């Protein structure tokens, strides 16, 4: 849930830029049609960025927990 808000609010401009690049690619290749109203690559961009942010957050949390447990012993 936290990765969703991190992706949308602080990374909103990055999501928009990547979505526009994806839409341009889909239009040029004919794989999809992206006009001003429909945005077929937006959900893919958000989903992939959410996975990346979740991985980074889990790595950081894991390292913090590991350090805390090693100091506790």
Protein backbone atom coordinates (compact mmCIF):
# COMPACT_ATOMS: atom_id res chain seq x y z
CA UNK A 1 0.00 0.00 0.00
CA UNK A 2 2.82 2.39 0.85
CA UNK A 3 4.51 1.76 -2.49
CA UNK A 4 1.32 2.87 -4.28
CA UNK A 5 1.40 6.27 -2.57
CA UNK A 6 5.17 6.60 -3.04
CA UNK A 7 4.80 5.90 -6.75
CA UNK A 8 1.87 8.25 -7.33
CA UNK A 9 2.82 11.29 -5.30
CA UNK A 10 6.61 11.78 -5.18
CA UNK A 11 7.20 9.93 -8.46
CA UNK A 12 4.15 11.28 -10.29
CA UNK A 13 6.17 13.17 -12.91
CA UNK A 14 8.28 10.07 -13.61
CA UNK A 15 5.11 7.97 -14.00
CA UNK A 16 3.69 10.51 -16.44
CA UNK A 17 6.89 10.66 -18.52
CA UNK A 18 7.27 6.88 -18.67
CA UNK A 19 3.61 6.53 -19.55
CA UNK A 20 3.96 8.98 -22.44
CA UNK A 21 7.03 7.11 -23.72
CA UNK A 22 5.12 3.85 -23.52
CA UNK A 23 2.14 5.34 -25.34
CA UNK A 24 4.37 6.70 -28.10
CA UNK A 25 5.93 3.26 -28.51
CA UNK A 26 2.51 1.60 -28.66
CA UNK A 27 1.28 4.10 -31.24
CA UNK A 28 4.37 3.73 -33.47
CA UNK A 29 4.35 -0.06 -33.41
CA UNK A 30 0.59 -0.40 -33.79
CA UNK A 31 0.33 -2.57 -30.68
CA UNK A 32 -2.04 -0.15 -28.99
CA UNK A 33 -3.84 3.10 -29.57
CA UNK A 34 -3.21 5.89 -27.11
CA UNK A 35 -5.01 9.16 -27.60
CA UNK A 36 -5.61 11.98 -25.15
CA UNK A 37 -8.30 10.07 -23.27
CA UNK A 38 -7.08 6.49 -23.13
CA UNK A 39 -3.74 5.67 -21.58
CA UNK A 40 -2.99 1.97 -22.05
CA UNK A 41 0.49 1.98 -20.56
CA UNK A 42 -0.32 3.89 -17.35
CA UNK A 43 -1.26 0.82 -15.30
CA UNK A 44 1.78 -1.09 -16.52
CA UNK A 45 4.08 1.79 -15.54
CA UNK A 46 2.46 2.14 -12.11
CA UNK A 47 2.56 -1.61 -11.50
CA UNK A 48 6.22 -1.99 -12.44
CA UNK A 49 7.27 1.05 -10.41
CA UNK A 50 5.30 -0.30 -7.44
CA UNK A 51 7.22 -3.58 -7.66
CA UNK A 52 10.54 -1.73 -7.80
CA UNK A 53 9.65 0.53 -4.85
CA UNK A 54 8.39 -2.47 -2.84
CA UNK A 55 11.64 -4.35 -3.49
CA UNK A 56 13.71 -1.35 -2.37
CA UNK A 57 11.59 -0.86 0.76
CA UNK A 58 11.76 -4.56 1.69
CA UNK A 59 15.54 -4.57 1.21
CA UNK A 60 15.97 -1.54 3.45
CA UNK A 61 13.63 -2.94 6.12
CA UNK A 62 15.42 -6.29 6.00
CA UNK A 63 18.83 -4.65 6.48
CA UNK A 64 17.55 -2.54 9.38
CA UNK A 65 15.98 -5.56 11.09
CA UNK A 66 19.14 -7.62 10.56
CA UNK A 67 21.30 -4.90 12.13
CA UNK A 68 18.92 -4.55 15.06
CA UNK A 69 18.92 -8.30 15.70
CA UNK A 70 22.72 -8.54 15.50
CA UNK A 71 23.15 -5.68 18.00
CA UNK A 72 20.61 -7.26 20.33
CA UNK A 73 22.68 -10.46 20.71
